[in-house]
Each structure stands twice: as structure tokens, then as C-alpha cells.
Amino acid sequence: MNQQLWTLILFFILTTLARADDSIVMRVDSFQSVKQSIATARIADKYPITMGLKFDEIRCYDNVGFVTGWYIYDKHQQKIPLIGLYHHGFFDLFQFPPKRHAALMQALRDKTLQTEDLETAQEYLERLEVTHPWTAPDGRVTDRSGTWSNGDKTLAITQFEWKAQFAPENNFELVIEKANRNPHRLDLLEAIGQAGEYRITNGNLACAFLKLSLTQIAPTKAGLNVLLSFSRESRRCSGDDGGYFSLKLDHSYRIVARNGYITYICDKRGAGRDESGADARGQRYTVVEGQYETPRNPRMIGSFFIKNAAIKVETPWPDMTP
């Protein structure tokens, strides 16, 4: 009897562990990666220098962003730390005493640093200003110019040249975690075909902003279904839309199929759950037009079902594809 009891207990433990090994947790990580840009120049046309600079993203419709890095006199190869501001037309860099520099860097990491902290900077040791070429109203293109100063003297920066210049890159990753295995990270911008539009938005005048979130996951015989909801926001309502991306992954987490569906367009279209429509096909949703203009009498233009992290379209609607 005792032997049978212990056998049952052991079977229960092993079954529980097996299920734990099979459990999968997913999440969406979003972050920004900034590669170091390298430039060379001369101070007073005779002291060659090299700069290594990292530019934070200028947020949509902001004018100024932060830049950090260093510069060296090529003859001495000793890095001098820098922090400052940049615009699409200039950058303004400062070398501060070590304690002041450390405090500013900590404020930048804590996201409490304000542009005014550097626009009115005093007690710096060195300052480097560079203005990029621009086209004047008469069509004349100005030269790139710059100055170095230490409070007592000012010298020209000449022969400025970018050797490697990188804009901040936006990243969205689907992180797949399974017990006793290293997390698997899937590049979502590539997976949903939006990398060209949203990987680099720093110079994008449209300034569209993408949000991705995990809605559902479901195991299948072939692998996994993953349903993501998305919204694309801009300054103007006419540029806002949203909906879903549906991914099918194999057991190695490779994408074997994907589809996108726009269910919402600002002031024109929205999707609502049809409470009477849930059946074997899943939860039914209706896509309506004019819900803001005529909220009491919206016109249904399409419908779809969500089941097992997949979308099945019942009635197609115009402009479905993102």
C-alpha cells in the first residue's frame, strides 16, 4: 500500500515538473539602442581630435536632445568626457569637473535631466560647439563651423568629418521564456514588417509612434499562435490607427505566417465586441464606420472572430492591411 502511495506521489511530482518545463511565458520588450558615432576634426587647424558621441532620440516635436561621449587629442589618446545638447542643426558639448559630470550623467539615466540644466551651464572646463551645414533662404549652403573654448580663449574647430554616424534605433522584441532554457528574443519590427517605418524615427517628420502589446498566445500542433495588438499614433488624429498582428510560430519559434488587420481609424472606424456573437468560432467582433460622427447609428462594414490567439475574418472590410 505504501509503495503504491509513493508511486502515485512520485508520478504527481514528475508530471508537475514536466508541465512546468512545458510552460511558456511571453512578453513584449521595447527599448532604444544607440550606437556611438565617430567624428574627426581639428582645433585651431593644427590639433587633430577624435570624438565618440551617443545621441539620444529627439522626441517627436521636441527641438533638442541630449548627447554624451568623449573626445581625445589624437597625440595623447586620453578620453575627455563630454555631455551636452544637440539639434538637427548643431550640437553643444561641455567638459565639466568630475563630480558635476557624474551628477549630470546620473540625472540623464534617471530621466530627470532638463535641457535648461545645460542651456544655462556655467563652470565648465571646456566647450565645443559645432553647427551643421544648412541652406539659407537665398539658396546658399553654409559651411560646417565650430568653436572650442575654455572660458579664457576661443579657437576654431575645422575639418569636421563624420567617420561613422548612427541614429537611435527603436526596438520591440517578443521575449519567449521557458523553464530551464535561455530566453528566446524575436525582433518584432522585422516580424510584423514595420522595421522600415519605425526602426529609426528621429528624422521622421510624420513622427508616428508605435505601441505593441501581447494580447493572446495559444499552443498548436505546429507551434504557437501569437496575437499582438498595435496602435500607431501621430500628432494629428488622421494619422492614428490600430488593430492586430497575428503570428504563427513553429516549435523553434520561427515565423511561418503573419497577418495584420486594421480595425480602428481615428474618427472613422472602430471595432466592438459582439456580446451575442461568441460561438464555436470564437469571440465575434464587428467593425463599424462613422461611430464618432453618428454614434447612435453606426454602419457595420466587417466582422472577425478571435480564437486561440488567431483571427478569422468573417466579412472583410476596406483597408484591412497595415
Protein backbone atom coordinates (compact mmCIF):
# COMPACT_ATOMS: atom_id res chain seq x y z
CA MET A 1 0.00 0.00 0.00
CA ASN A 2 2.79 2.39 0.98
CA GLN A 3 4.66 1.53 -2.20
CA GLN A 4 1.59 2.40 -4.30
CA LEU A 5 1.19 5.69 -2.43
CA TRP A 6 4.81 6.68 -3.01
CA THR A 7 4.49 5.69 -6.66
CA LEU A 8 1.48 8.00 -7.02
CA ILE A 9 3.31 10.84 -5.26
CA LEU A 10 6.37 10.40 -7.49
CA PHE A 11 4.16 10.32 -10.58
CA PHE A 12 2.45 13.56 -9.45
CA ILE A 13 5.80 15.30 -8.87
CA LEU A 14 7.23 14.23 -12.22
CA THR A 15 4.03 15.25 -14.02
CA THR A 16 4.10 18.66 -12.33
CA LEU A 17 7.74 19.20 -13.28
CA ALA A 18 7.06 18.15 -16.87
CA ARG A 19 4.22 20.63 -17.07
CA ALA A 20 6.45 23.35 -15.58
CA ASP A 21 9.08 22.60 -18.23
CA ASP A 22 6.44 22.95 -20.93
CA SER A 23 5.06 26.26 -19.62
CA ILE A 24 5.88 29.27 -21.77
CA VAL A 25 5.86 32.90 -20.71
CA MET A 26 5.94 35.71 -23.24
CA ARG A 27 6.26 39.46 -23.01
CA VAL A 28 7.00 42.41 -25.29
CA ASP A 29 10.12 44.43 -24.51
CA SER A 30 10.61 47.85 -26.07
CA PHE A 31 13.85 49.79 -25.83
CA GLN A 32 16.11 52.11 -27.75
CA SER A 33 19.66 51.27 -28.77
CA VAL A 34 22.17 53.99 -29.59
CA LYS A 35 25.42 53.22 -31.35
CA GLN A 36 28.37 55.52 -30.91
CA SER A 37 29.01 57.99 -33.72
CA ILE A 38 32.63 58.83 -34.53
CA ALA A 39 33.88 62.15 -35.92
CA THR A 40 37.28 63.76 -36.51
CA ALA A 41 38.22 67.45 -36.55
CA ARG A 42 40.99 69.93 -35.82
CA ILE A 43 41.18 72.63 -33.17
CA ALA A 44 42.86 75.84 -34.40
CA ASP A 45 43.52 73.92 -37.61
CA LYS A 46 46.51 72.17 -36.05
CA TYR A 47 45.39 69.91 -33.16
CA PRO A 48 43.70 66.78 -34.56
CA ILE A 49 40.95 65.34 -32.36
CA THR A 50 38.55 62.38 -32.47
CA MET A 51 35.05 62.39 -30.94
CA GLY A 52 32.86 59.49 -29.83
CA LEU A 53 29.26 60.65 -29.35
CA LYS A 54 25.95 58.97 -28.47
CA PHE A 55 22.80 60.87 -29.43
CA ASP A 56 19.58 60.27 -27.51
CA GLU A 57 16.42 60.40 -29.58
CA ILE A 58 14.83 63.80 -30.13
CA ARG A 59 11.22 63.07 -29.21
CA CYS A 60 8.57 63.94 -31.73
CA TYR A 61 8.09 67.74 -31.98
CA ASP A 62 10.78 68.44 -29.40
CA ASN A 63 13.64 70.60 -30.60
CA VAL A 64 16.59 69.42 -28.53
CA GLY A 65 18.03 66.12 -27.34
CA PHE A 66 20.94 65.02 -25.14
CA VAL A 67 24.33 63.80 -26.33
CA THR A 68 27.10 62.13 -24.32
CA GLY A 69 30.55 60.85 -25.13
CA TRP A 70 34.17 61.88 -25.21
CA TYR A 71 36.91 63.41 -27.29
CA ILE A 72 40.65 62.85 -27.45
CA TYR A 73 43.62 64.72 -28.79
CA ASP A 74 45.00 62.18 -31.22
CA LYS A 75 48.53 62.85 -29.97
CA HIS A 76 47.70 61.99 -26.34
CA GLN A 77 44.85 59.39 -26.62
CA GLN A 78 43.32 60.36 -23.26
CA LYS A 79 39.50 60.45 -23.29
CA ILE A 80 37.90 63.66 -22.07
CA PRO A 81 34.24 63.07 -21.03
CA LEU A 82 31.52 65.21 -22.60
CA ILE A 83 27.81 65.86 -22.12
CA GLY A 84 25.64 68.31 -23.98
CA LEU A 85 22.71 69.08 -26.27
CA TYR A 86 22.04 68.59 -29.94
CA HIS A 87 19.55 69.65 -32.56
CA HIS A 88 19.30 68.61 -36.19
CA GLY A 89 21.38 71.73 -36.91
CA PHE A 90 24.01 71.83 -34.13
CA PHE A 91 25.50 70.26 -31.04
CA ASP A 92 26.91 71.93 -27.94
CA LEU A 93 29.23 69.85 -25.72
CA PHE A 94 30.72 70.50 -22.28
CA GLN A 95 33.51 69.09 -20.18
CA PHE A 96 32.61 69.57 -16.50
CA PRO A 97 34.57 68.83 -13.32
CA PRO A 98 34.25 65.10 -12.47
CA LYS A 99 31.63 65.44 -9.70
CA ARG A 100 29.42 67.72 -11.79
CA HIS A 101 29.72 65.41 -14.82
CA ALA A 102 28.81 62.36 -12.71
CA ALA A 103 25.74 64.15 -11.29
CA LEU A 104 24.55 65.14 -14.77
CA MET A 105 25.03 61.60 -16.11
CA GLN A 106 23.05 60.18 -13.18
CA ALA A 107 20.23 62.67 -13.84
CA LEU A 108 20.24 61.59 -17.50
CA ARG A 109 19.94 57.92 -16.50
CA ASP A 110 17.16 58.81 -14.06
CA LYS A 111 15.40 60.82 -16.81
CA THR A 112 15.35 63.91 -14.59
CA LEU A 113 17.89 65.92 -16.60
CA GLN A 114 16.37 69.05 -18.14
CA THR A 115 17.65 70.85 -21.23
CA GLU A 116 17.80 74.04 -19.14
CA ASP A 117 20.48 72.40 -16.96
CA LEU A 118 22.83 72.55 -19.94
CA GLU A 119 21.47 75.56 -21.83
CA THR A 120 22.50 77.75 -18.87
CA ALA A 121 25.60 75.73 -17.97
CA GLN A 122 28.35 77.53 -16.06
CA GLU A 123 31.66 76.48 -14.52
CA TYR A 124 32.54 74.17 -17.37
CA LEU A 125 36.15 73.38 -18.20
CA GLU A 126 35.78 73.20 -21.98
CA ARG A 127 33.02 73.80 -24.50
CA LEU A 128 32.78 72.53 -28.08
CA GLU A 129 30.12 73.92 -30.42
CA VAL A 130 29.52 72.70 -33.96
CA THR A 131 26.91 73.98 -36.41
CA HIS A 132 25.97 71.71 -39.29
CA PRO A 133 25.56 72.99 -42.86
CA TRP A 134 22.15 74.43 -43.72
CA THR A 135 20.51 76.06 -46.73
CA ALA A 136 19.94 79.80 -46.37
CA PRO A 137 16.81 81.48 -47.83
CA ASP A 138 18.86 82.64 -50.83
CA GLY A 139 19.83 79.02 -51.57
CA ARG A 140 23.39 79.36 -50.29
CA VAL A 141 24.60 76.34 -48.30
CA THR A 142 26.63 77.32 -45.26
CA ASP A 143 29.79 75.53 -44.24
CA ARG A 144 30.04 73.37 -41.16
CA SER A 145 31.66 75.53 -38.47
CA GLY A 146 32.60 75.20 -34.81
CA THR A 147 34.49 76.61 -31.85
CA TRP A 148 36.39 75.31 -28.84
CA SER A 149 36.62 77.46 -25.72
CA ASN A 150 37.76 77.19 -22.11
CA GLY A 151 36.47 80.50 -20.80
CA ASP A 152 39.70 82.34 -21.46
CA LYS A 153 40.20 81.76 -25.17
CA THR A 154 38.23 80.59 -28.17
CA LEU A 155 39.64 78.60 -31.11
CA ALA A 156 38.05 77.45 -34.36
CA ILE A 157 37.07 73.84 -34.99
CA THR A 158 37.85 72.95 -38.61
CA GLN A 159 37.86 69.93 -40.92
CA PHE A 160 34.97 68.32 -39.04
CA GLU A 161 34.07 64.99 -40.65
CA TRP A 162 31.77 62.13 -39.63
CA LYS A 163 33.50 58.75 -39.84
CA ALA A 164 30.50 56.73 -38.60
CA GLN A 165 27.16 58.31 -37.78
CA PHE A 166 24.22 56.44 -36.27
CA ALA A 167 20.69 57.50 -35.37
CA PRO A 168 18.95 55.98 -32.32
CA GLU A 169 17.13 52.75 -33.20
CA ASN A 170 13.76 51.68 -31.80
CA ASN A 171 13.41 48.02 -30.86
CA PHE A 172 10.46 45.80 -29.99
CA GLU A 173 11.22 42.21 -29.03
CA LEU A 174 8.98 39.28 -28.23
CA VAL A 175 10.69 37.55 -25.31
CA ILE A 176 9.81 33.85 -25.03
CA GLU A 177 10.77 32.24 -21.73
CA LYS A 178 10.63 28.54 -20.97
CA ALA A 179 11.77 26.79 -17.83
CA ASN A 180 15.41 25.66 -17.83
CA ARG A 181 16.14 27.42 -21.13
CA ASN A 182 17.65 30.74 -22.09
CA PRO A 183 15.07 33.32 -23.21
CA HIS A 184 14.46 33.50 -26.95
CA ARG A 185 14.16 37.03 -28.37
CA LEU A 186 12.31 37.72 -31.61
CA ASP A 187 12.67 41.04 -33.43
CA LEU A 188 9.04 42.16 -33.68
CA LEU A 189 9.58 45.11 -36.03
CA GLU A 190 11.01 42.71 -38.60
CA ALA A 191 8.39 40.06 -37.78
CA ILE A 192 5.44 42.37 -38.48
CA GLY A 193 7.07 44.16 -41.41
CA GLN A 194 7.30 47.59 -39.73
CA ALA A 195 11.09 47.98 -39.39
CA GLY A 196 11.39 50.33 -42.35
CA GLU A 197 8.88 52.74 -40.84
CA TYR A 198 9.66 52.59 -37.13
CA ARG A 199 13.25 51.41 -36.61
CA ILE A 200 14.55 54.97 -36.94
CA THR A 201 12.06 57.79 -36.39
CA ASN A 202 14.40 60.57 -35.28
CA GLY A 203 14.26 62.33 -38.63
CA ASN A 204 10.72 61.30 -39.49
CA LEU A 205 8.61 64.43 -39.96
CA ALA A 206 5.45 62.37 -39.54
CA CYS A 207 6.66 61.46 -36.03
CA ALA A 208 4.40 58.41 -35.84
CA PHE A 209 4.61 56.44 -32.60
CA LEU A 210 4.09 52.67 -32.45
CA LYS A 211 2.79 50.70 -29.45
CA LEU A 212 2.76 46.89 -29.36
CA SER A 213 1.31 44.66 -26.65
CA LEU A 214 0.77 40.94 -26.26
CA THR A 215 -2.93 40.01 -26.40
CA GLN A 216 -3.03 36.20 -26.52
CA ILE A 217 -0.85 33.13 -27.04
CA ALA A 218 -2.06 29.62 -27.81
CA PRO A 219 -0.20 26.34 -28.48
CA THR A 220 -0.91 24.48 -31.72
CA LYS A 221 0.30 21.22 -33.22
CA ALA A 222 2.65 23.24 -35.46
CA GLY A 223 3.94 25.52 -32.69
CA LEU A 224 2.36 28.68 -31.29
CA ASN A 225 -0.15 31.34 -32.27
CA VAL A 226 0.70 34.83 -31.03
CA LEU A 227 -1.75 37.72 -31.20
CA LEU A 228 -0.43 41.26 -30.77
CA SER A 229 -2.46 44.44 -30.58
CA PHE A 230 -0.97 47.62 -32.01
CA SER A 231 -1.66 51.33 -32.20
CA ARG A 232 0.07 53.92 -34.35
CA GLU A 233 -0.26 57.43 -33.04
CA SER A 234 0.72 60.78 -34.53
CA ARG A 235 0.16 64.43 -33.79
CA ARG A 236 -2.94 64.53 -35.94
CA CYS A 237 -5.94 62.25 -35.48
CA SER A 238 -5.98 61.46 -39.20
CA GLY A 239 -2.72 59.53 -38.77
CA ASP A 240 -3.91 57.31 -35.91
CA ASP A 241 -4.94 53.69 -36.41
CA GLY A 242 -4.77 50.37 -34.62
CA GLY A 243 -5.61 46.69 -34.76
CA TYR A 244 -3.85 43.34 -34.56
CA PHE A 245 -0.88 41.40 -35.87
CA SER A 246 -1.29 37.61 -35.91
CA LEU A 247 1.89 35.47 -35.91
CA LYS A 248 2.26 31.71 -36.35
CA LEU A 249 5.49 30.28 -34.93
CA ASP A 250 6.93 26.79 -35.34
CA HIS A 251 8.40 24.82 -32.43
CA SER A 252 11.75 26.59 -32.96
CA TYR A 253 9.97 29.97 -32.69
CA ARG A 254 10.49 30.77 -36.34
CA ILE A 255 7.72 32.75 -38.03
CA VAL A 256 5.89 30.67 -40.62
CA ALA A 257 2.99 33.08 -41.26
CA ARG A 258 1.84 36.56 -40.31
CA ASN A 259 -1.16 38.76 -40.94
CA GLY A 260 -2.16 42.28 -39.97
CA TYR A 261 -5.60 43.81 -39.53
CA ILE A 262 -6.54 47.48 -39.08
CA THR A 263 -9.71 47.61 -37.00
CA TYR A 264 -9.55 51.23 -35.84
CA ILE A 265 -9.03 54.54 -37.66
CA CYS A 266 -9.41 57.72 -35.62
CA ASP A 267 -12.83 59.39 -36.06
CA LYS A 268 -13.74 56.97 -38.85
CA ARG A 269 -13.77 53.36 -37.71
CA GLY A 270 -13.71 51.18 -34.63
CA ALA A 271 -14.23 47.58 -33.55
CA GLY A 272 -16.51 46.42 -30.76
CA ARG A 273 -17.18 43.06 -29.15
CA ASP A 274 -20.44 41.47 -30.23
CA GLU A 275 -21.69 40.01 -26.95
CA SER A 276 -24.24 37.87 -28.77
CA GLY A 277 -21.74 36.54 -31.26
CA ALA A 278 -19.49 34.21 -29.26
CA ASP A 279 -19.72 30.65 -30.57
CA ALA A 280 -17.52 27.76 -31.64
CA ARG A 281 -15.62 30.10 -33.97
CA GLY A 282 -14.57 32.28 -31.03
CA GLN A 283 -15.48 35.76 -29.85
CA ARG A 284 -17.09 37.81 -32.61
CA TYR A 285 -16.18 41.45 -33.19
CA THR A 286 -17.80 43.94 -35.54
CA VAL A 287 -16.06 46.73 -37.43
CA VAL A 288 -18.21 49.84 -37.75
CA GLU A 289 -17.84 53.06 -39.70
CA GLY A 290 -18.91 56.50 -38.54
CA GLN A 291 -19.10 55.56 -34.86
CA TYR A 292 -17.93 59.04 -33.85
CA GLU A 293 -19.87 61.01 -36.43
CA THR A 294 -23.09 59.03 -35.93
CA PRO A 295 -22.66 57.06 -32.69
CA ARG A 296 -26.37 56.18 -32.47
CA ASN A 297 -26.48 54.55 -35.87
CA PRO A 298 -23.05 53.11 -36.78
CA ARG A 299 -22.75 51.28 -40.07
CA MET A 300 -21.27 47.78 -39.82
CA ILE A 301 -18.64 47.24 -42.54
CA GLY A 302 -16.98 43.99 -41.42
CA SER A 303 -16.58 41.35 -38.75
CA PHE A 304 -13.99 38.91 -37.43
CA PHE A 305 -13.51 36.24 -34.76
CA ILE A 306 -10.70 35.82 -32.23
CA LYS A 307 -9.98 32.30 -31.00
CA ASN A 308 -6.79 30.60 -29.84
CA ALA A 309 -4.73 33.76 -30.50
CA ALA A 310 -5.74 33.80 -34.15
CA ILE A 311 -8.08 35.98 -36.20
CA LYS A 312 -10.57 34.58 -38.69
CA VAL A 313 -12.21 37.22 -40.87
CA GLU A 314 -15.91 36.68 -41.45
CA THR A 315 -16.68 39.78 -43.55
CA PRO A 316 -13.69 41.67 -44.98
CA TRP A 317 -13.64 45.45 -44.55
CA PRO A 318 -11.84 48.18 -46.56
CA ASP A 319 -8.17 48.91 -45.79
CA MET A 320 -7.63 45.85 -43.61
CA THR A 321 -3.85 45.61 -44.10
CA PRO A 322 -1.48 47.81 -42.01
